[in-house]
């Protein structure tokens, strides 16, 4: 499976709301759904246009001293999209328990998220 090229990127500047342990689903197509799980933590947080893009999110609430690193988005078949990530050690200022990727609506389908080792 090849990575899908797209201009979206990581939505830095958001953080997981306190108490969130899992996501259902990992695909957020509206600000209402997104805001149930995430909050802006920085003035640099990008504006997400939910009219033309969506967010794929991966979380590891217990990943202390780690950061989640984007590995790629793949179209597994015509109606499935897979985002993969891995974790690595991080300085306290870079540590994060979530990874948010902005994807255009043109890459659409059921979304799965997988951690790769």
Protein backbone atom coordinates (compact mmCIF):
# COMPACT_ATOMS: atom_id res chain seq x y z
CA UNK A 1 0.00 0.00 0.00
CA UNK A 2 1.45 3.34 -1.05
CA UNK A 3 1.15 6.53 0.95
CA UNK A 4 -1.44 8.95 -0.34
CA UNK A 5 0.09 12.32 -1.25
CA UNK A 6 -1.79 15.28 0.19
CA UNK A 7 -1.09 18.83 1.32
CA UNK A 8 -2.68 18.41 4.74
CA UNK A 9 -0.47 18.18 7.70
CA UNK A 10 -0.25 17.81 11.39
CA UNK A 11 -2.63 19.96 13.41
CA UNK A 12 -0.27 21.04 16.18
CA UNK A 13 -1.49 23.23 18.99
CA UNK A 14 -4.40 21.06 20.11
CA UNK A 15 -4.44 18.78 23.12
CA UNK A 16 -6.55 15.92 24.32
CA UNK A 17 -9.18 16.96 26.85
CA UNK A 18 -8.73 15.61 30.36
CA UNK A 19 -10.27 12.21 30.95
CA UNK A 20 -10.40 11.09 27.30
CA UNK A 21 -9.06 7.53 27.02
CA UNK A 22 -10.25 6.46 23.55
CA UNK A 23 -11.79 7.87 20.38
CA UNK A 24 -14.89 6.68 18.56
CA UNK A 25 -14.36 7.11 15.66
CA UNK A 26 -10.82 8.39 14.90
CA UNK A 27 -12.21 10.51 12.03
CA UNK A 28 -13.65 13.96 12.85
CA UNK A 29 -15.66 15.69 10.14
CA UNK A 30 -17.21 18.46 12.23
CA UNK A 31 -16.00 20.97 14.77
CA UNK A 32 -18.72 19.81 17.19
CA UNK A 33 -17.42 16.23 17.23
CA UNK A 34 -13.77 17.36 17.28
CA UNK A 35 -14.33 19.73 20.21
CA UNK A 36 -15.75 16.92 22.34
CA UNK A 37 -12.26 15.37 22.49
CA UNK A 38 -9.76 18.16 21.80
CA UNK A 39 -9.12 21.76 22.81
CA UNK A 40 -6.85 24.44 21.47
CA UNK A 41 -3.70 24.67 23.57
CA UNK A 42 -1.84 27.25 21.53
CA UNK A 43 -2.45 30.42 19.56
CA UNK A 44 -0.62 28.62 16.71
CA UNK A 45 -3.31 25.91 16.44
CA UNK A 46 -4.33 25.85 12.77
CA UNK A 47 -7.89 26.62 11.74
CA UNK A 48 -9.53 23.44 10.44
CA UNK A 49 -12.05 23.89 7.61
CA UNK A 50 -14.47 21.04 8.26
CA UNK A 51 -16.33 21.97 5.03
CA UNK A 52 -13.45 20.66 2.89
CA UNK A 53 -11.27 18.58 5.23
CA UNK A 54 -11.40 16.31 8.23
CA UNK A 55 -9.09 15.25 11.02
CA UNK A 56 -7.73 11.78 11.70
CA UNK A 57 -6.66 11.44 15.32
CA UNK A 58 -4.48 8.95 17.16
CA UNK A 59 -4.15 9.04 20.93
CA UNK A 60 -2.08 7.30 23.59
CA UNK A 61 -3.25 8.89 26.85
CA UNK A 62 -0.68 6.98 28.91
CA UNK A 63 2.36 7.76 26.71
CA UNK A 64 4.30 9.82 29.25
CA UNK A 65 7.61 11.20 27.95
CA UNK A 66 6.77 10.15 24.39
CA UNK A 67 5.44 11.76 21.27
CA UNK A 68 3.34 10.28 18.51
CA UNK A 69 4.96 10.61 15.08
CA UNK A 70 3.03 10.56 11.80
CA UNK A 71 4.03 7.66 9.54
CA UNK A 72 1.60 8.08 6.61
CA UNK A 73 -1.93 7.88 5.24
CA UNK A 74 -2.76 5.04 2.90
CA UNK A 75 -5.87 4.17 0.94
CA UNK A 76 -6.17 0.48 1.78
CA UNK A 77 -8.97 0.15 -0.77
CA UNK A 78 -11.55 2.42 -2.36
CA UNK A 79 -13.50 2.90 0.86
CA UNK A 80 -10.87 2.51 3.60
CA UNK A 81 -8.17 4.90 4.78
CA UNK A 82 -5.35 3.90 7.14
CA UNK A 83 -3.26 6.36 9.14
CA UNK A 84 -0.18 4.95 10.80
CA UNK A 85 2.05 6.38 13.50
CA UNK A 86 4.81 5.37 15.88
CA UNK A 87 6.00 6.65 19.24
CA UNK A 88 9.43 7.86 20.21
CA UNK A 89 11.00 9.35 23.32
CA UNK A 90 10.56 13.11 23.58
CA UNK A 91 11.71 16.05 25.64
CA UNK A 92 9.02 17.29 28.03
CA UNK A 93 8.28 20.28 25.77
CA UNK A 94 7.65 17.98 22.76
CA UNK A 95 5.81 15.16 24.54
CA UNK A 96 2.26 14.62 23.35
CA UNK A 97 -0.45 12.04 23.88
CA UNK A 98 -2.20 12.79 20.58
CA UNK A 99 -1.49 13.15 16.87
CA UNK A 100 -3.91 15.04 14.61
CA UNK A 101 -3.63 14.94 10.83
CA UNK A 102 -5.67 17.21 8.54
CA UNK A 103 -6.86 15.36 5.42
CA UNK A 104 -8.80 16.75 2.43
CA UNK A 105 -12.29 15.35 1.81
CA UNK A 106 -11.05 13.99 -1.53
CA UNK A 107 -9.35 11.18 0.42
CA UNK A 108 -12.41 9.58 1.90
CA UNK A 109 -13.57 6.35 3.46
CA UNK A 110 -13.75 4.44 6.71
CA UNK A 111 -10.71 5.42 8.77
CA UNK A 112 -8.49 3.07 10.76
CA UNK A 113 -5.51 4.11 12.87
CA UNK A 114 -2.60 1.78 13.52
CA UNK A 115 0.56 2.06 15.57
CA UNK A 116 3.60 0.62 13.81
CA UNK A 117 6.70 -0.50 15.65
